[in-house]
C-alpha atoms as a PDB file:
ATOM      1  CA  MET A   1      63.354 172.995  -8.130  1.00  0.00           C
ATOM      2  CA  GLU A   2      66.029 170.002  -8.387  1.00  0.00           C
ATOM      3  CA  ASN A   3      65.177 168.087  -5.744  1.00  0.00           C
ATOM      4  CA  LEU A   4      61.447 168.038  -6.502  1.00  0.00           C
ATOM      5  CA  LYS A   5      62.728 166.865 -10.145  1.00  0.00           C
ATOM      6  CA  THR A   6      64.702 163.796  -8.406  1.00  0.00           C
ATOM      7  CA  ASP A   7      61.822 163.500  -5.691  1.00  0.00           C
ATOM      8  CA  LEU A   8      59.719 162.619  -9.024  1.00  0.00           C
ATOM      9  CA  ARG A   9      61.693 160.588 -10.630  1.00  0.00           C
ATOM     10  CA  VAL A  10      62.359 158.508  -7.766  1.00  0.00           C
ATOM     11  CA  LEU A  11      58.837 158.076  -7.173  1.00  0.00           C
ATOM     12  CA  LYS A  12      58.066 157.325 -10.945  1.00  0.00           C
ATOM     13  CA  THR A  13      61.162 154.955 -10.584  1.00  0.00           C
ATOM     14  CA  LYS A  14      59.944 152.957  -7.851  1.00  0.00           C
ATOM     15  CA  ARG A  15      56.129 153.011  -8.983  1.00  0.00           C
ATOM     16  CA  ALA A  16      57.578 151.244 -12.159  1.00  0.00           C
ATOM     17  CA  ILE A  17      59.280 148.781 -10.122  1.00  0.00           C
ATOM     18  CA  ARG A  18      56.401 147.998  -7.763  1.00  0.00           C
ATOM     19  CA  GLN A  19      54.107 147.674 -10.974  1.00  0.00           C
ATOM     20  CA  ALA A  20      56.658 145.211 -12.556  1.00  0.00           C
ATOM     21  CA  PHE A  21      56.804 143.032  -9.454  1.00  0.00           C
ATOM     22  CA  LYS A  22      52.798 143.068  -9.433  1.00  0.00           C
ATOM     23  CA  GLU A  23      52.617 142.022 -12.944  1.00  0.00           C
ATOM     24  CA  LEU A  24      55.092 139.123 -12.469  1.00  0.00           C
ATOM     25  CA  LEU A  25      53.492 137.948  -9.147  1.00  0.00           C
ATOM     26  CA  SER A  26      50.410 137.372 -11.289  1.00  0.00           C
ATOM     27  CA  GLU A  27      52.306 135.377 -13.719  1.00  0.00           C
ATOM     28  CA  LYS A  28      54.954 133.660 -11.453  1.00  0.00           C
ATOM     29  CA  HIS A  29      55.655 132.208  -7.871  1.00  0.00           C
ATOM     30  CA  ILE A  30      57.240 134.848  -6.056  1.00  0.00           C
ATOM     31  CA  ASP A  31      60.329 132.421  -5.625  1.00  0.00           C
ATOM     32  CA  GLU A  32      60.808 132.439  -9.449  1.00  0.00           C
ATOM     33  CA  ILE A  33      60.754 136.334  -9.555  1.00  0.00           C
ATOM     34  CA  THR A  34      64.499 137.846 -10.265  1.00  0.00           C
ATOM     35  CA  VAL A  35      65.627 141.279 -10.127  1.00  0.00           C
ATOM     36  CA  SER A  36      66.712 140.828 -13.914  1.00  0.00           C
ATOM     37  CA  ASP A  37      63.148 140.119 -14.478  1.00  0.00           C
ATOM     38  CA  ILE A  38      61.691 143.241 -12.390  1.00  0.00           C
ATOM     39  CA  ALA A  39      64.013 145.540 -14.265  1.00  0.00           C
ATOM     40  CA  LYS A  40      63.313 144.086 -17.789  1.00  0.00           C
ATOM     41  CA  THR A  41      59.456 144.264 -16.878  1.00  0.00           C
ATOM     42  CA  ALA A  42      60.082 147.928 -15.465  1.00  0.00           C
ATOM     43  CA  MET A  43      62.119 148.667 -18.389  1.00  0.00           C
ATOM     44  CA  ILE A  44      65.371 149.867 -16.318  1.00  0.00           C
ATOM     45  CA  ASN A  45      68.409 148.434 -15.641  1.00  0.00           C
ATOM     46  CA  ARG A  46      69.529 146.105 -12.542  1.00  0.00           C
ATOM     47  CA  LYS A  47      72.000 149.234 -11.368  1.00  0.00           C
ATOM     48  CA  THR A  48      68.372 151.712 -11.452  1.00  0.00           C
ATOM     49  CA  PHE A  49      66.878 148.729  -9.206  1.00  0.00           C
ATOM     50  CA  TYR A  50      69.568 148.236  -6.759  1.00  0.00           C
ATOM     51  CA  ALA A  51      69.527 152.399  -6.209  1.00  0.00           C
ATOM     52  CA  HIS A  52      65.865 151.671  -4.854  1.00  0.00           C
ATOM     53  CA  TYR A  53      65.740 148.113  -3.318  1.00  0.00           C
ATOM     54  CA  ALA A  54      68.373 145.631  -2.051  1.00  0.00           C
ATOM     55  CA  GLY A  55      66.232 142.739  -3.474  1.00  0.00           C
ATOM     56  CA  VAL A  56      62.796 141.464  -3.956  1.00  0.00           C
ATOM     57  CA  HIS A  57      62.569 140.649  -0.402  1.00  0.00           C
ATOM     58  CA  GLU A  58      62.724 144.306  -0.019  1.00  0.00           C
ATOM     59  CA  ILE A  59      59.664 145.103  -2.182  1.00  0.00           C
ATOM     60  CA  ILE A  60      57.722 142.475  -0.215  1.00  0.00           C
ATOM     61  CA  ALA A  61      58.369 144.045   3.120  1.00  0.00           C
ATOM     62  CA  GLU A  62      57.812 147.751   1.619  1.00  0.00           C
ATOM     63  CA  ILE A  63      54.153 146.070   0.679  1.00  0.00           C
ATOM     64  CA  GLU A  64      53.749 144.494   3.758  1.00  0.00           C
ATOM     65  CA  ASP A  65      54.313 147.458   5.953  1.00  0.00           C
ATOM     66  CA  GLU A  66      51.780 149.637   3.903  1.00  0.00           C
ATOM     67  CA  ILE A  67      49.170 147.254   4.789  1.00  0.00           C
ATOM     68  CA  ILE A  68      50.099 146.894   8.100  1.00  0.00           C
ATOM     69  CA  SER A  69      50.152 150.801   8.539  1.00  0.00           C
ATOM     70  CA  ALA A  70      46.994 151.201   6.651  1.00  0.00           C
ATOM     71  CA  MET A  71      45.203 148.612   9.009  1.00  0.00           C
ATOM     72  CA  GLN A  72      46.806 150.323  12.124  1.00  0.00           C
ATOM     73  CA  ALA A  73      45.587 153.244  11.032  1.00  0.00           C
ATOM     74  CA  LEU A  74      41.841 152.270  10.763  1.00  0.00           C
ATOM     75  CA  LEU A  75      42.143 150.207  13.880  1.00  0.00           C
ATOM     76  CA  SER A  76      43.080 153.492  15.983  1.00  0.00           C
ATOM     77  CA  GLN A  77      40.002 155.009  14.462  1.00  0.00           C
ATOM     78  CA  MET A  78      37.702 152.360  16.331  1.00  0.00           C
ATOM     79  CA  ARG A  79      36.239 151.855  19.737  1.00  0.00           C
ATOM     80  CA  PHE A  80      36.405 148.445  21.125  1.00  0.00           C
ATOM     81  CA  GLU A  81      32.436 148.586  22.119  1.00  0.00           C
ATOM     82  CA  ARG A  82      31.692 149.751  18.498  1.00  0.00           C
ATOM     83  CA  ILE A  83      33.835 146.680  17.107  1.00  0.00           C
ATOM     84  CA  LEU A  84      31.587 144.424  19.941  1.00  0.00           C
ATOM     85  CA  GLU A  85      28.304 145.758  18.394  1.00  0.00           C
ATOM     86  CA  CYS A  86      28.939 145.727  14.864  1.00  0.00           C
ATOM     87  CA  PRO A  87      31.953 144.015  13.793  1.00  0.00           C
ATOM     88  CA  TYR A  88      30.817 144.641  10.246  1.00  0.00           C
ATOM     89  CA  ASP A  89      32.485 148.161  10.403  1.00  0.00           C
ATOM     90  CA  LEU A  90      35.578 146.943  11.058  1.00  0.00           C
ATOM     91  CA  PHE A  91      35.699 144.316   8.170  1.00  0.00           C
ATOM     92  CA  GLN A  92      34.394 147.416   6.033  1.00  0.00           C
ATOM     93  CA  TYR A  93      37.519 149.377   6.598  1.00  0.00           C
ATOM     94  CA  LEU A  94      39.715 146.716   6.655  1.00  0.00           C
ATOM     95  CA  MET A  95      38.604 145.902   3.232  1.00  0.00           C
ATOM     96  CA  GLN A  96      38.841 149.546   2.360  1.00  0.00           C
ATOM     97  CA  ALA A  97      42.762 149.395   3.022  1.00  0.00           C
ATOM     98  CA  VAL A  98      43.264 146.458   0.716  1.00  0.00           C
ATOM     99  CA  ASP A  99      40.547 146.565  -1.703  1.00  0.00           C
ATOM    100  CA  LYS A 100      42.739 148.915  -4.084  1.00  0.00           C
ATOM    101  CA  GLU A 101      45.469 146.310  -4.163  1.00  0.00           C
ATOM    102  CA  ILE A 102      43.466 143.179  -3.510  1.00  0.00           C
ATOM    103  CA  GLU A 103      45.453 141.165  -6.328  1.00  0.00           C
ATOM    104  CA  ILE A 104      48.971 141.515  -4.660  1.00  0.00           C
ATOM    105  CA  TYR A 105      47.543 141.467  -1.236  1.00  0.00           C
ATOM    106  CA  GLY A 106      45.878 138.151  -1.587  1.00  0.00           C
ATOM    107  CA  ARG A 107      48.852 136.780  -3.288  1.00  0.00           C
ATOM    108  CA  LEU A 108      51.111 137.616  -0.255  1.00  0.00           C
ATOM    109  CA  LEU A 109      48.661 136.518   2.157  1.00  0.00           C
ATOM    110  CA  THR A 110      48.446 133.085   0.391  1.00  0.00           C
ATOM    111  CA  LEU A 111      52.384 132.399  -0.136  1.00  0.00           C
ATOM    112  CA  ASN A 112      53.219 129.463   1.893  1.00  0.00           C
ATOM    113  CA  GLY A 113      56.042 130.030   4.178  1.00  0.00           C
ATOM    114  CA  ASN A 114      57.122 133.167   1.793  1.00  0.00           C
ATOM    115  CA  SER A 115      55.579 135.834   3.676  1.00  0.00           C
ATOM    116  CA  ASN A 116      55.422 136.885   7.390  1.00  0.00           C
ATOM    117  CA  LEU A 117      52.040 138.938   6.378  1.00  0.00           C
ATOM    118  CA  ILE A 118      49.965 136.891   8.389  1.00  0.00           C
ATOM    119  CA  LEU A 119      51.730 137.116  11.328  1.00  0.00           C
ATOM    120  CA  LYS A 120      52.755 140.584  11.127  1.00  0.00           C
ATOM    121  CA  ILE A 121      48.801 141.348  10.833  1.00  0.00           C
ATOM    122  CA  ILE A 122      47.968 138.998  13.456  1.00  0.00           C
ATOM    123  CA  GLN A 123      50.768 140.817  15.811  1.00  0.00           C
ATOM    124  CA  MET A 124      50.013 144.608  14.846  1.00  0.00           C
ATOM    125  CA  MET A 125      46.209 143.762  15.500  1.00  0.00           C
ATOM    126  CA  ARG A 126      46.719 142.136  19.046  1.00  0.00           C
ATOM    127  CA  SER A 127      49.094 144.809  20.136  1.00  0.00           C
ATOM    128  CA  GLN A 128      46.413 147.822  18.670  1.00  0.00           C
ATOM    129  CA  LEU A 129      43.591 146.207  20.397  1.00  0.00           C
ATOM    130  CA  VAL A 130      45.163 145.423  23.525  1.00  0.00           C
ATOM    131  CA  SER A 131      46.947 148.736  24.018  1.00  0.00           C
ATOM    132  CA  SER A 132      43.658 150.425  22.919  1.00  0.00           C
ATOM    133  CA  PHE A 133      40.797 148.239  24.656  1.00  0.00           C
ATOM    134  CA  GLU A 134      42.453 146.512  27.256  1.00  0.00           C
ATOM    135  CA  ASN A 135      41.136 148.604  30.197  1.00  0.00           C
ATOM    136  CA  ASP A 136      37.602 148.390  28.711  1.00  0.00           C
ATOM    137  CA  VAL A 137      37.289 144.702  28.213  1.00  0.00           C
ATOM    138  CA  PRO A 138      34.886 143.143  30.439  1.00  0.00           C
ATOM    139  CA  ILE A 139      36.838 139.789  30.419  1.00  0.00           C
ATOM    140  CA  ASP A 140      40.095 138.841  31.858  1.00  0.00           C
ATOM    141  CA  LYS A 141      43.358 139.295  29.972  1.00  0.00           C
ATOM    142  CA  GLN A 142      44.149 135.760  29.018  1.00  0.00           C
ATOM    143  CA  THR A 143      40.602 135.254  27.440  1.00  0.00           C
ATOM    144  CA  PHE A 144      40.921 138.608  25.786  1.00  0.00           C
ATOM    145  CA  ASP A 145      44.264 137.583  24.294  1.00  0.00           C
ATOM    146  CA  LEU A 146      42.877 134.390  23.117  1.00  0.00           C
ATOM    147  CA  THR A 147      39.947 136.098  21.761  1.00  0.00           C
ATOM    148  CA  ILE A 148      41.616 138.579  19.402  1.00  0.00           C
ATOM    149  CA  SER A 149      44.411 135.566  18.468  1.00  0.00           C
ATOM    150  CA  PHE A 150      41.403 133.430  17.323  1.00  0.00           C
ATOM    151  CA  MET A 151      39.403 136.226  15.642  1.00  0.00           C
ATOM    152  CA  PHE A 152      42.284 137.468  13.412  1.00  0.00           C
ATOM    153  CA  ALA A 153      43.931 133.982  12.714  1.00  0.00           C
ATOM    154  CA  GLY A 154      40.232 133.127  11.849  1.00  0.00           C
ATOM    155  CA  ILE A 155      39.436 136.057   9.543  1.00  0.00           C
ATOM    156  CA  LEU A 156      42.865 135.770   7.645  1.00  0.00           C
ATOM    157  CA  ALA A 157      42.193 132.247   7.096  1.00  0.00           C
ATOM    158  CA  VAL A 158      38.834 132.481   5.346  1.00  0.00           C
ATOM    159  CA  PHE A 159      40.170 135.771   3.178  1.00  0.00           C
ATOM    160  CA  THR A 160      42.850 133.298   2.325  1.00  0.00           C
ATOM    161  CA  GLU A 161      40.493 130.579   1.469  1.00  0.00           C
ATOM    162  CA  TRP A 162      38.318 132.904  -0.212  1.00  0.00           C
ATOM    163  CA  TYR A 163      41.025 134.369  -2.405  1.00  0.00           C
ATOM    164  CA  ASN A 164      42.153 130.832  -3.146  1.00  0.00           C
ATOM    165  CA  THR A 165      39.056 129.836  -4.398  1.00  0.00           C
ATOM    166  CA  GLY A 166      38.491 132.515  -7.063  1.00  0.00           C
ATOM    167  CA  MET A 167      36.945 135.292  -4.866  1.00  0.00           C
ATOM    168  CA  HIS A 168      33.590 134.171  -6.447  1.00  0.00           C
ATOM    169  CA  GLU A 169      31.620 135.600  -3.138  1.00  0.00           C
ATOM    170  CA  PRO A 170      31.496 139.440  -3.014  1.00  0.00           C
ATOM    171  CA  ILE A 171      33.774 140.781  -0.358  1.00  0.00           C
ATOM    172  CA  GLU A 172      31.066 142.529   1.049  1.00  0.00           C
ATOM    173  CA  GLU A 173      29.109 139.398   1.683  1.00  0.00           C
ATOM    174  CA  LEU A 174      31.951 137.778   3.206  1.00  0.00           C
ATOM    175  CA  SER A 175      32.427 140.442   5.437  1.00  0.00           C
ATOM    176  CA  LYS A 176      28.987 140.444   6.407  1.00  0.00           C
ATOM    177  CA  LYS A 177      29.346 136.748   7.466  1.00  0.00           C
ATOM    178  CA  LEU A 178      32.519 136.995   9.391  1.00  0.00           C
ATOM    179  CA  SER A 179      30.777 139.897  11.039  1.00  0.00           C
ATOM    180  CA  ARG A 180      28.022 137.573  12.185  1.00  0.00           C
ATOM    181  CA  LEU A 181      30.185 134.585  13.119  1.00  0.00           C
ATOM    182  CA  CYS A 182      32.717 137.156  15.106  1.00  0.00           C
ATOM    183  CA  ILE A 183      30.012 138.840  16.923  1.00  0.00           C
ATOM    184  CA  SER A 184      28.371 135.536  18.183  1.00  0.00           C
ATOM    185  CA  GLY A 185      31.843 134.199  19.028  1.00  0.00           C
ATOM    186  CA  ILE A 186      32.553 137.389  21.114  1.00  0.00           C
ATOM    187  CA  GLN A 187      29.132 137.254  22.697  1.00  0.00           C
ATOM    188  CA  GLY A 188      29.541 133.818  23.379  1.00  0.00           C
ATOM    189  CA  ILE A 189      32.527 133.943  25.317  1.00  0.00           C
ATOM    190  CA  MET A 190      31.633 137.280  26.967  1.00  0.00           C
ATOM    191  CA  ASN A 191      28.480 135.393  28.302  1.00  0.00           C
ATOM    192  CA  LYS A 192      29.864 132.686  29.792  1.00  0.00           C
ATOM    193  CA  PRO A 193      28.153 131.126  32.631  1.00  0.00           C
END
């Protein structure tokens, strides 16, 4: 019973720290957020913060790892043929993964030089798709790698631009447009002369 209480306290404290970080991220640039700021906002002391995290960078890494894990789990459920036929399903799954935390994910994706999230996402997706679909793809490995790199770098660039310009278009509409763009591009490379 004591372990359960301790675990619940740890979860509650970590949740408060992360919530404080998210609040501060909406008010300040990430480089301006300090442990003291987070501790004050979470209504804990610095010692309590350091019992859970080594610093602000560790919170970011934890959030990024959660994003990557969620996307990885979704991708592992998809078949390459289905992505080729209807990439919109891929966008729907990915948007569901980030929708609950769109504000924080958007902020992390748009940090210039402060987050490796974009690189982590591209590397994870490339690795996942290559390992899952490499034998089923009717194009050579070099073209497949190029296609994957182009597609996901483009998707993330569009998402970043959408976020930075105020997210005026519904995410579903953006996903549909990206889906059409990707499928046309993929079909174009696969139907080369």
